[in-house]
Amino acid sequence: MIHGGTRVAAVIGSPVHHSLSPALHNAAFAQLGLDWVYVAFHVARGEAQKAVDAMRVLGLGGMSVTMPHKEAVALAVDELDSASAALRSVNTVARTEDGRLVGHSTDGAGFIASLGSAGVQVAGRSVCLLGAGGAARAIADALGRAGAARVAVLNRTFATAQETVRLAGPAGCLATADDVADAEIVVNATSVGMGSDDLPCDITRLRAGQVVADIVYHPRQTALLRAAAAAGCATVDGLGMLVQQAALQQQLWHGQMPDAAVMAEAAERELAARRQ
């Protein structure tokens, strides 16, 4: 029952109507028995500062940030954690006890956690990272922090690839197509394959024994993951990253870690309902 004491958290974005975040977070609040509710707000490009100001005035308990506002929110909060400072991008805003707003980036840590939940550790291992956009940069930063031995970035645009390489730290380097075959872990950090059978790399270079992860979660089994499984690779789909980064957001807002399985089930129900 929502009442005057219910805490409110929200996601801002444009567009935002398609977001799975309300399903994920409301399931987590229910599982934890918290008197919180989560809603989505459409915020037009250029209005991120006003949204952060509204968070202060309305006393929102937490905020998720999606495109196109991640960089603007990084400039609007009071301070940044180490990951969001390196990325100059925020996907989570949490409120301190004294009312300060702190920007965080949970995408990269959520990806590492999704691999861990699938039994995949990255420390000391070689990774080929496909893409150099916002998600790829967050993952590169997280892979470097997690101790990956090599993070080879494969991207068509040299300048953005160089920035992503830098975020991976000493492990970062520019990739060639050979890295798809040579890497122990291959990660698709692009949107290629979302709602289509398009492929982000030459699948003939995949080999048995590799781990292939895809951040795309619609469909769960992308064309890349189907090809990887056929080649004898272990696969990790994109729903895990979505769920794990959201679970980390919850922990930042109220200090408790929800059951990721409950959140994943809520996301799957929502996706199934949308297909009907």
C-alpha atoms as a PDB file:
ATOM      1  CA  MET A   1       0.000   0.000   0.000  1.00  0.00           C
ATOM      2  CA  ILE A   2       1.531   3.305  -1.116  1.00  0.00           C
ATOM      3  CA  HIS A   3       1.117   6.091   1.456  1.00  0.00           C
ATOM      4  CA  GLY A   4       2.699   9.357   2.545  1.00  0.00           C
ATOM      5  CA  GLY A   5       5.757   7.660   4.019  1.00  0.00           C
ATOM      6  CA  THR A   6       6.574   5.523   0.995  1.00  0.00           C
ATOM      7  CA  ARG A   7      10.044   6.226  -0.414  1.00  0.00           C
ATOM      8  CA  VAL A   8      10.183   6.852  -4.151  1.00  0.00           C
ATOM      9  CA  ALA A   9      12.990   5.930  -6.551  1.00  0.00           C
ATOM     10  CA  ALA A  10      12.910   6.534 -10.290  1.00  0.00           C
ATOM     11  CA  VAL A  11      14.610   6.085 -13.627  1.00  0.00           C
ATOM     12  CA  ILE A  12      15.062   9.037 -15.972  1.00  0.00           C
ATOM     13  CA  GLY A  13      15.646   8.743 -19.691  1.00  0.00           C
ATOM     14  CA  SER A  14      14.417   9.588 -23.169  1.00  0.00           C
ATOM     15  CA  PRO A  15      12.844   7.334 -24.243  1.00  0.00           C
ATOM     16  CA  VAL A  16      12.057   5.471 -21.039  1.00  0.00           C
ATOM     17  CA  HIS A  17       8.695   3.762 -21.628  1.00  0.00           C
ATOM     18  CA  HIS A  18      10.451   0.519 -22.645  1.00  0.00           C
ATOM     19  CA  SER A  19      12.550   0.277 -19.469  1.00  0.00           C
ATOM     20  CA  LEU A  20      12.513  -2.970 -17.476  1.00  0.00           C
ATOM     21  CA  SER A  21      13.775  -1.115 -14.404  1.00  0.00           C
ATOM     22  CA  PRO A  22      10.352  -0.646 -12.734  1.00  0.00           C
ATOM     23  CA  ALA A  23       9.690  -4.391 -12.905  1.00  0.00           C
ATOM     24  CA  LEU A  24      13.151  -5.213 -11.551  1.00  0.00           C
ATOM     25  CA  HIS A  25      13.217  -2.711  -8.724  1.00  0.00           C
ATOM     26  CA  ASN A  26       9.639  -3.090  -7.512  1.00  0.00           C
ATOM     27  CA  ALA A  27      10.193  -6.857  -7.324  1.00  0.00           C
ATOM     28  CA  ALA A  28      13.337  -6.216  -5.256  1.00  0.00           C
ATOM     29  CA  PHE A  29      11.548  -3.834  -2.875  1.00  0.00           C
ATOM     30  CA  ALA A  30       8.795  -6.421  -2.359  1.00  0.00           C
ATOM     31  CA  GLN A  31      11.300  -9.223  -1.771  1.00  0.00           C
ATOM     32  CA  LEU A  32      13.141  -7.135   0.832  1.00  0.00           C
ATOM     33  CA  GLY A  33       9.918  -5.964   2.490  1.00  0.00           C
ATOM     34  CA  LEU A  34      10.779  -2.299   1.950  1.00  0.00           C
ATOM     35  CA  ASP A  35       8.209   0.495   1.766  1.00  0.00           C
ATOM     36  CA  TRP A  36       9.583   1.823  -1.504  1.00  0.00           C
ATOM     37  CA  VAL A  37       8.155   2.239  -4.997  1.00  0.00           C
ATOM     38  CA  TYR A  38       9.947   2.742  -8.311  1.00  0.00           C
ATOM     39  CA  VAL A  39       8.636   4.712 -11.286  1.00  0.00           C
ATOM     40  CA  ALA A  40       9.849   5.901 -14.690  1.00  0.00           C
ATOM     41  CA  PHE A  41      10.063   9.572 -15.680  1.00  0.00           C
ATOM     42  CA  HIS A  42      10.539  10.745 -19.241  1.00  0.00           C
ATOM     43  CA  VAL A  43      13.094  13.556 -19.114  1.00  0.00           C
ATOM     44  CA  ALA A  44      13.943  15.293 -22.369  1.00  0.00           C
ATOM     45  CA  ARG A  45      17.516  15.749 -23.531  1.00  0.00           C
ATOM     46  CA  GLY A  46      19.076  18.777 -21.868  1.00  0.00           C
ATOM     47  CA  GLU A  47      16.880  18.577 -18.756  1.00  0.00           C
ATOM     48  CA  ALA A  48      19.081  16.334 -16.596  1.00  0.00           C
ATOM     49  CA  GLN A  49      20.126  19.147 -14.242  1.00  0.00           C
ATOM     50  CA  LYS A  50      16.472  19.894 -13.521  1.00  0.00           C
ATOM     51  CA  ALA A  51      15.835  16.208 -12.819  1.00  0.00           C
ATOM     52  CA  VAL A  52      18.690  16.104 -10.292  1.00  0.00           C
ATOM     53  CA  ASP A  53      17.356  19.292  -8.698  1.00  0.00           C
ATOM     54  CA  ALA A  54      13.933  17.627  -8.488  1.00  0.00           C
ATOM     55  CA  MET A  55      15.500  14.637  -6.753  1.00  0.00           C
ATOM     56  CA  ARG A  56      16.792  16.999  -4.084  1.00  0.00           C
ATOM     57  CA  VAL A  57      13.511  18.884  -3.675  1.00  0.00           C
ATOM     58  CA  LEU A  58      11.216  15.852  -3.737  1.00  0.00           C
ATOM     59  CA  GLY A  59      13.442  13.743  -1.514  1.00  0.00           C
ATOM     60  CA  LEU A  60      13.677  10.828  -3.920  1.00  0.00           C
ATOM     61  CA  GLY A  61      15.450   7.895  -2.313  1.00  0.00           C
ATOM     62  CA  GLY A  62      17.371   6.942  -5.435  1.00  0.00           C
ATOM     63  CA  MET A  63      17.645   7.504  -9.154  1.00  0.00           C
ATOM     64  CA  SER A  64      18.642   5.363 -12.120  1.00  0.00           C
ATOM     65  CA  VAL A  65      19.941   7.178 -15.174  1.00  0.00           C
ATOM     66  CA  THR A  66      19.758   5.997 -18.749  1.00  0.00           C
ATOM     67  CA  MET A  67      20.392   7.599 -22.119  1.00  0.00           C
ATOM     68  CA  PRO A  68      20.859  10.401 -22.959  1.00  0.00           C
ATOM     69  CA  HIS A  69      21.550  11.746 -19.471  1.00  0.00           C
ATOM     70  CA  LYS A  70      24.483   9.790 -18.030  1.00  0.00           C
ATOM     71  CA  GLU A  71      27.164  12.384 -18.809  1.00  0.00           C
ATOM     72  CA  ALA A  72      25.007  15.368 -17.825  1.00  0.00           C
ATOM     73  CA  VAL A  73      24.080  13.824 -14.478  1.00  0.00           C
ATOM     74  CA  ALA A  74      27.781  13.254 -13.769  1.00  0.00           C
ATOM     75  CA  LEU A  75      28.163  17.043 -13.891  1.00  0.00           C
ATOM     76  CA  ALA A  76      25.075  17.722 -11.773  1.00  0.00           C
ATOM     77  CA  VAL A  77      25.682  15.588  -8.658  1.00  0.00           C
ATOM     78  CA  ASP A  78      27.738  16.593  -5.637  1.00  0.00           C
ATOM     79  CA  GLU A  79      30.409  13.909  -5.973  1.00  0.00           C
ATOM     80  CA  LEU A  80      31.342  10.826  -8.001  1.00  0.00           C
ATOM     81  CA  ASP A  81      32.590   7.380  -7.078  1.00  0.00           C
ATOM     82  CA  SER A  82      35.812   6.157  -8.679  1.00  0.00           C
ATOM     83  CA  ALA A  83      34.178   4.325 -11.589  1.00  0.00           C
ATOM     84  CA  SER A  84      31.841   7.156 -12.564  1.00  0.00           C
ATOM     85  CA  ALA A  85      34.678   9.672 -12.233  1.00  0.00           C
ATOM     86  CA  ALA A  86      36.828   7.625 -14.634  1.00  0.00           C
ATOM     87  CA  LEU A  87      33.938   7.220 -17.060  1.00  0.00           C
ATOM     88  CA  ARG A  88      32.550  10.747 -16.604  1.00  0.00           C
ATOM     89  CA  SER A  89      29.191   8.987 -16.658  1.00  0.00           C
ATOM     90  CA  VAL A  90      26.580   8.092 -14.040  1.00  0.00           C
ATOM     91  CA  ASN A  91      23.840   5.475 -14.103  1.00  0.00           C
ATOM     92  CA  THR A  92      22.926   5.677 -10.407  1.00  0.00           C
ATOM     93  CA  VAL A  93      22.413   8.521  -7.946  1.00  0.00           C
ATOM     94  CA  ALA A  94      22.346   7.770  -4.233  1.00  0.00           C
ATOM     95  CA  ARG A  95      21.625  10.104  -1.338  1.00  0.00           C
ATOM     96  CA  THR A  96      23.931  10.298   1.678  1.00  0.00           C
ATOM     97  CA  GLU A  97      22.627  10.774   5.225  1.00  0.00           C
ATOM     98  CA  ASP A  98      23.461  14.471   5.048  1.00  0.00           C
ATOM     99  CA  GLY A  99      21.595  14.879   1.747  1.00  0.00           C
ATOM    100  CA  ARG A 100      24.495  14.939  -0.680  1.00  0.00           C
ATOM    101  CA  LEU A 101      23.914  13.274  -4.042  1.00  0.00           C
ATOM    102  CA  VAL A 102      26.613  10.826  -5.138  1.00  0.00           C
ATOM    103  CA  GLY A 103      26.915   9.538  -8.694  1.00  0.00           C
ATOM    104  CA  HIS A 104      27.855   5.913  -9.298  1.00  0.00           C
ATOM    105  CA  SER A 105      28.315   3.633 -12.276  1.00  0.00           C
ATOM    106  CA  THR A 106      27.131   0.076 -11.625  1.00  0.00           C
ATOM    107  CA  ASP A 107      27.112  -1.179 -15.229  1.00  0.00           C
ATOM    108  CA  GLY A 108      30.667  -2.504 -15.275  1.00  0.00           C
ATOM    109  CA  ALA A 109      30.499  -4.046 -11.817  1.00  0.00           C
ATOM    110  CA  GLY A 110      27.144  -5.541 -12.762  1.00  0.00           C
ATOM    111  CA  PHE A 111      28.722  -7.177 -15.800  1.00  0.00           C
ATOM    112  CA  ILE A 112      31.538  -8.666 -13.728  1.00  0.00           C
ATOM    113  CA  ALA A 113      28.962  -9.941 -11.223  1.00  0.00           C
ATOM    114  CA  SER A 114      26.921 -11.523 -14.021  1.00  0.00           C
ATOM    115  CA  LEU A 115      30.008 -13.427 -15.169  1.00  0.00           C
ATOM    116  CA  GLY A 116      30.713 -14.478 -11.606  1.00  0.00           C
ATOM    117  CA  SER A 117      27.178 -15.782 -11.141  1.00  0.00           C
ATOM    118  CA  ALA A 118      27.773 -17.922 -14.249  1.00  0.00           C
ATOM    119  CA  GLY A 119      30.998 -19.275 -12.737  1.00  0.00           C
ATOM    120  CA  VAL A 120      33.301 -17.150 -14.901  1.00  0.00           C
ATOM    121  CA  GLN A 121      36.204 -15.271 -13.298  1.00  0.00           C
ATOM    122  CA  VAL A 122      38.107 -12.603 -15.254  1.00  0.00           C
ATOM    123  CA  ALA A 123      41.251 -12.175 -13.147  1.00  0.00           C
ATOM    124  CA  GLY A 124      44.303 -13.206 -15.143  1.00  0.00           C
ATOM    125  CA  ARG A 125      42.313 -13.948 -18.297  1.00  0.00           C
ATOM    126  CA  SER A 126      42.379 -12.441 -21.791  1.00  0.00           C
ATOM    127  CA  VAL A 127      39.280 -10.656 -23.074  1.00  0.00           C
ATOM    128  CA  CYS A 128      38.264  -9.419 -26.501  1.00  0.00           C
ATOM    129  CA  LEU A 129      35.784  -6.577 -26.071  1.00  0.00           C
ATOM    130  CA  LEU A 130      33.595  -5.780 -29.073  1.00  0.00           C
ATOM    131  CA  GLY A 131      32.575  -2.121 -29.174  1.00  0.00           C
ATOM    132  CA  ALA A 132      33.674   1.149 -27.612  1.00  0.00           C
ATOM    133  CA  GLY A 133      30.422   2.889 -26.676  1.00  0.00           C
ATOM    134  CA  GLY A 134      29.155   3.724 -23.205  1.00  0.00           C
ATOM    135  CA  ALA A 135      28.544   0.126 -22.136  1.00  0.00           C
ATOM    136  CA  ALA A 136      31.896  -1.001 -23.520  1.00  0.00           C
ATOM    137  CA  ARG A 137      33.713   1.758 -21.649  1.00  0.00           C
ATOM    138  CA  ALA A 138      32.067   0.760 -18.366  1.00  0.00           C
ATOM    139  CA  ILE A 139      32.956  -2.893 -18.960  1.00  0.00           C
ATOM    140  CA  ALA A 140      36.547  -2.069 -19.928  1.00  0.00           C
ATOM    141  CA  ASP A 141      36.973  -0.074 -16.722  1.00  0.00           C
ATOM    142  CA  ALA A 142      35.515  -2.924 -14.663  1.00  0.00           C
ATOM    143  CA  LEU A 143      37.624  -5.579 -16.398  1.00  0.00           C
ATOM    144  CA  GLY A 144      40.765  -3.594 -15.618  1.00  0.00           C
ATOM    145  CA  ARG A 145      39.730  -3.217 -11.962  1.00  0.00           C
ATOM    146  CA  ALA A 146      38.927  -6.949 -11.773  1.00  0.00           C
ATOM    147  CA  GLY A 147      42.446  -7.920 -12.863  1.00  0.00           C
ATOM    148  CA  ALA A 148      41.947  -9.095 -16.446  1.00  0.00           C
ATOM    149  CA  ALA A 149      45.355  -9.841 -17.986  1.00  0.00           C
ATOM    150  CA  ARG A 150      44.457  -8.406 -21.400  1.00  0.00           C
ATOM    151  CA  VAL A 151      41.505  -6.343 -22.624  1.00  0.00           C
ATOM    152  CA  ALA A 152      41.696  -6.086 -26.411  1.00  0.00           C
ATOM    153  CA  VAL A 153      39.159  -3.594 -27.785  1.00  0.00           C
ATOM    154  CA  LEU A 154      37.793  -4.195 -31.277  1.00  0.00           C
ATOM    155  CA  ASN A 155      35.961  -1.218 -32.761  1.00  0.00           C
ATOM    156  CA  ARG A 156      35.636   0.431 -36.155  1.00  0.00           C
ATOM    157  CA  THR A 157      36.420   3.948 -34.873  1.00  0.00           C
ATOM    158  CA  PHE A 158      40.017   4.371 -33.719  1.00  0.00           C
ATOM    159  CA  ALA A 159      39.507   7.382 -31.422  1.00  0.00           C
ATOM    160  CA  THR A 160      36.706   5.826 -29.365  1.00  0.00           C
ATOM    161  CA  ALA A 161      38.592   2.531 -29.226  1.00  0.00           C
ATOM    162  CA  GLN A 162      41.630   4.338 -27.789  1.00  0.00           C
ATOM    163  CA  GLU A 163      39.513   5.896 -25.029  1.00  0.00           C
ATOM    164  CA  THR A 164      38.084   2.492 -24.111  1.00  0.00           C
ATOM    165  CA  VAL A 165      41.588   0.966 -24.105  1.00  0.00           C
ATOM    166  CA  ARG A 166      42.719   3.696 -21.700  1.00  0.00           C
ATOM    167  CA  LEU A 167      39.932   2.853 -19.269  1.00  0.00           C
ATOM    168  CA  ALA A 168      41.112  -0.761 -19.066  1.00  0.00           C
ATOM    169  CA  GLY A 169      44.425   0.424 -17.629  1.00  0.00           C
ATOM    170  CA  PRO A 170      47.657  -1.517 -18.251  1.00  0.00           C
ATOM    171  CA  ALA A 171      45.646  -4.486 -19.566  1.00  0.00           C
ATOM    172  CA  GLY A 172      44.093  -2.461 -22.378  1.00  0.00           C
ATOM    173  CA  CYS A 173      45.166  -2.686 -26.021  1.00  0.00           C
ATOM    174  CA  LEU A 174      43.750  -2.314 -29.499  1.00  0.00           C
ATOM    175  CA  ALA A 175      42.473  -5.572 -30.983  1.00  0.00           C
ATOM    176  CA  THR A 176      42.582  -7.159 -34.394  1.00  0.00           C
ATOM    177  CA  ALA A 177      40.170  -9.764 -35.708  1.00  0.00           C
ATOM    178  CA  ASP A 178      42.613 -12.424 -34.497  1.00  0.00           C
ATOM    179  CA  ASP A 179      41.800 -11.487 -30.898  1.00  0.00           C
ATOM    180  CA  VAL A 180      38.307 -12.937 -31.314  1.00  0.00           C
ATOM    181  CA  ALA A 181      39.925 -16.350 -31.749  1.00  0.00           C
ATOM    182  CA  ASP A 182      42.758 -15.866 -29.260  1.00  0.00           C
ATOM    183  CA  ALA A 183      40.819 -14.457 -26.290  1.00  0.00           C
ATOM    184  CA  GLU A 184      39.565 -16.629 -23.454  1.00  0.00           C
ATOM    185  CA  ILE A 185      36.488 -14.419 -23.061  1.00  0.00           C
ATOM    186  CA  VAL A 186      34.695 -12.598 -25.901  1.00  0.00           C
ATOM    187  CA  VAL A 187      32.234  -9.856 -24.953  1.00  0.00           C
ATOM    188  CA  ASN A 188      29.727  -8.181 -27.250  1.00  0.00           C
ATOM    189  CA  ALA A 189      29.287  -4.727 -25.702  1.00  0.00           C
ATOM    190  CA  THR A 190      27.403  -3.307 -28.697  1.00  0.00           C
ATOM    191  CA  SER A 191      23.684  -3.266 -29.467  1.00  0.00           C
ATOM    192  CA  VAL A 192      24.224  -5.481 -32.523  1.00  0.00           C
ATOM    193  CA  GLY A 193      21.808  -8.397 -32.260  1.00  0.00           C
ATOM    194  CA  MET A 194      19.127  -6.513 -30.352  1.00  0.00           C
ATOM    195  CA  GLY A 195      15.867  -7.589 -31.941  1.00  0.00           C
ATOM    196  CA  SER A 196      17.692  -9.021 -34.969  1.00  0.00           C
ATOM    197  CA  ASP A 197      19.966 -11.837 -36.098  1.00  0.00           C
ATOM    198  CA  ASP A 198      22.837  -9.468 -36.887  1.00  0.00           C
ATOM    199  CA  LEU A 199      26.295 -10.516 -35.690  1.00  0.00           C
ATOM    200  CA  PRO A 200      28.945  -8.262 -34.097  1.00  0.00           C
ATOM    201  CA  CYS A 201      31.952 -10.334 -35.227  1.00  0.00           C
ATOM    202  CA  ASP A 202      33.100 -13.133 -37.501  1.00  0.00           C
ATOM    203  CA  ILE A 203      31.647 -16.191 -35.769  1.00  0.00           C
ATOM    204  CA  THR A 204      33.948 -18.560 -37.662  1.00  0.00           C
ATOM    205  CA  ARG A 205      36.727 -17.361 -35.337  1.00  0.00           C
ATOM    206  CA  LEU A 206      34.959 -18.631 -32.217  1.00  0.00           C
ATOM    207  CA  ARG A 207      36.330 -21.861 -30.776  1.00  0.00           C
ATOM    208  CA  ALA A 208      35.400 -24.455 -28.197  1.00  0.00           C
ATOM    209  CA  GLY A 209      36.440 -23.572 -24.666  1.00  0.00           C
ATOM    210  CA  GLN A 210      35.895 -19.827 -24.946  1.00  0.00           C
ATOM    211  CA  VAL A 211      33.347 -17.894 -22.912  1.00  0.00           C
ATOM    212  CA  VAL A 212      31.134 -15.643 -25.034  1.00  0.00           C
ATOM    213  CA  ALA A 213      29.054 -12.994 -23.265  1.00  0.00           C
ATOM    214  CA  ASP A 214      26.500 -10.666 -24.832  1.00  0.00           C
ATOM    215  CA  ILE A 215      25.060  -7.591 -23.109  1.00  0.00           C
ATOM    216  CA  VAL A 216      21.981  -7.714 -25.384  1.00  0.00           C
ATOM    217  CA  TYR A 217      19.047  -9.278 -23.510  1.00  0.00           C
ATOM    218  CA  HIS A 218      16.304  -9.019 -26.151  1.00  0.00           C
ATOM    219  CA  PRO A 219      16.371 -11.710 -27.334  1.00  0.00           C
ATOM    220  CA  ARG A 220      18.004 -13.610 -24.468  1.00  0.00           C
ATOM    221  CA  GLN A 221      19.677 -16.016 -26.899  1.00  0.00           C
ATOM    222  CA  THR A 222      21.107 -13.731 -29.545  1.00  0.00           C
ATOM    223  CA  ALA A 223      22.452 -14.948 -32.882  1.00  0.00           C
ATOM    224  CA  LEU A 224      25.957 -14.531 -31.434  1.00  0.00           C
ATOM    225  CA  LEU A 225      25.199 -16.725 -28.425  1.00  0.00           C
ATOM    226  CA  ARG A 226      23.538 -19.379 -30.574  1.00  0.00           C
ATOM    227  CA  ALA A 227      26.588 -19.489 -32.841  1.00  0.00           C
ATOM    228  CA  ALA A 228      28.926 -19.571 -29.853  1.00  0.00           C
ATOM    229  CA  ALA A 229      27.067 -22.489 -28.275  1.00  0.00           C
ATOM    230  CA  ALA A 230      27.196 -24.368 -31.583  1.00  0.00           C
ATOM    231  CA  ALA A 231      30.985 -23.820 -31.628  1.00  0.00           C
ATOM    232  CA  GLY A 232      31.351 -25.318 -28.155  1.00  0.00           C
ATOM    233  CA  CYS A 233      31.671 -22.071 -26.216  1.00  0.00           C
ATOM    234  CA  ALA A 234      30.147 -21.379 -22.811  1.00  0.00           C
ATOM    235  CA  THR A 235      27.683 -18.479 -23.076  1.00  0.00           C
ATOM    236  CA  VAL A 236      26.424 -15.729 -20.764  1.00  0.00           C
ATOM    237  CA  ASP A 237      23.357 -13.735 -21.825  1.00  0.00           C
ATOM    238  CA  GLY A 238      22.669 -10.062 -21.202  1.00  0.00           C
ATOM    239  CA  LEU A 239      19.891 -10.317 -18.636  1.00  0.00           C
ATOM    240  CA  GLY A 240      22.420 -11.087 -15.917  1.00  0.00           C
ATOM    241  CA  MET A 241      24.193  -7.757 -16.335  1.00  0.00           C
ATOM    242  CA  LEU A 242      20.874  -5.875 -16.295  1.00  0.00           C
ATOM    243  CA  VAL A 243      19.817  -7.588 -13.086  1.00  0.00           C
ATOM    244  CA  GLN A 244      23.161  -7.395 -11.307  1.00  0.00           C
ATOM    245  CA  GLN A 245      23.688  -3.690 -11.989  1.00  0.00           C
ATOM    246  CA  ALA A 246      20.174  -3.015 -10.680  1.00  0.00           C
ATOM    247  CA  ALA A 247      20.846  -5.074  -7.541  1.00  0.00           C
ATOM    248  CA  LEU A 248      23.942  -2.957  -6.908  1.00  0.00           C
ATOM    249  CA  GLN A 249      21.805   0.173  -7.294  1.00  0.00           C
ATOM    250  CA  GLN A 250      19.468  -1.119  -4.594  1.00  0.00           C
ATOM    251  CA  GLN A 251      22.383  -1.687  -2.243  1.00  0.00           C
ATOM    252  CA  LEU A 252      23.585   1.872  -2.808  1.00  0.00           C
ATOM    253  CA  TRP A 253      20.139   3.325  -2.071  1.00  0.00           C
ATOM    254  CA  HIS A 254      19.202   1.510   1.130  1.00  0.00           C
ATOM    255  CA  GLY A 255      22.102  -0.752   2.095  1.00  0.00           C
ATOM    256  CA  GLN A 256      20.517  -4.135   1.367  1.00  0.00           C
ATOM    257  CA  MET A 257      21.307  -6.522  -1.492  1.00  0.00           C
ATOM    258  CA  PRO A 258      18.170  -8.042  -3.046  1.00  0.00           C
ATOM    259  CA  ASP A 259      17.827 -11.553  -4.427  1.00  0.00           C
ATOM    260  CA  ALA A 260      18.974 -11.322  -8.050  1.00  0.00           C
ATOM    261  CA  ALA A 261      16.936 -14.406  -8.958  1.00  0.00           C
ATOM    262  CA  VAL A 262      13.726 -12.639  -7.917  1.00  0.00           C
ATOM    263  CA  MET A 263      14.644  -9.642 -10.061  1.00  0.00           C
ATOM    264  CA  ALA A 264      15.473 -11.861 -13.041  1.00  0.00           C
ATOM    265  CA  GLU A 265      12.123 -13.628 -12.764  1.00  0.00           C
ATOM    266  CA  ALA A 266      10.345 -10.259 -12.742  1.00  0.00           C
ATOM    267  CA  ALA A 267      12.234  -9.177 -15.857  1.00  0.00           C
ATOM    268  CA  GLU A 268      11.377 -12.424 -17.632  1.00  0.00           C
ATOM    269  CA  ARG A 269       7.680 -12.036 -16.771  1.00  0.00           C
ATOM    270  CA  GLU A 270       7.708  -8.481 -18.105  1.00  0.00           C
ATOM    271  CA  LEU A 271       9.422  -9.508 -21.331  1.00  0.00           C
ATOM    272  CA  ALA A 272       6.955 -12.385 -21.798  1.00  0.00           C
ATOM    273  CA  ALA A 273       4.006 -10.023 -21.276  1.00  0.00           C
ATOM    274  CA  ARG A 274       5.366  -7.645 -23.908  1.00  0.00           C
ATOM    275  CA  ARG A 275       5.634 -10.464 -26.443  1.00  0.00           C
ATOM    276  CA  GLN A 276       1.934 -11.274 -26.112  1.00  0.00           C
END
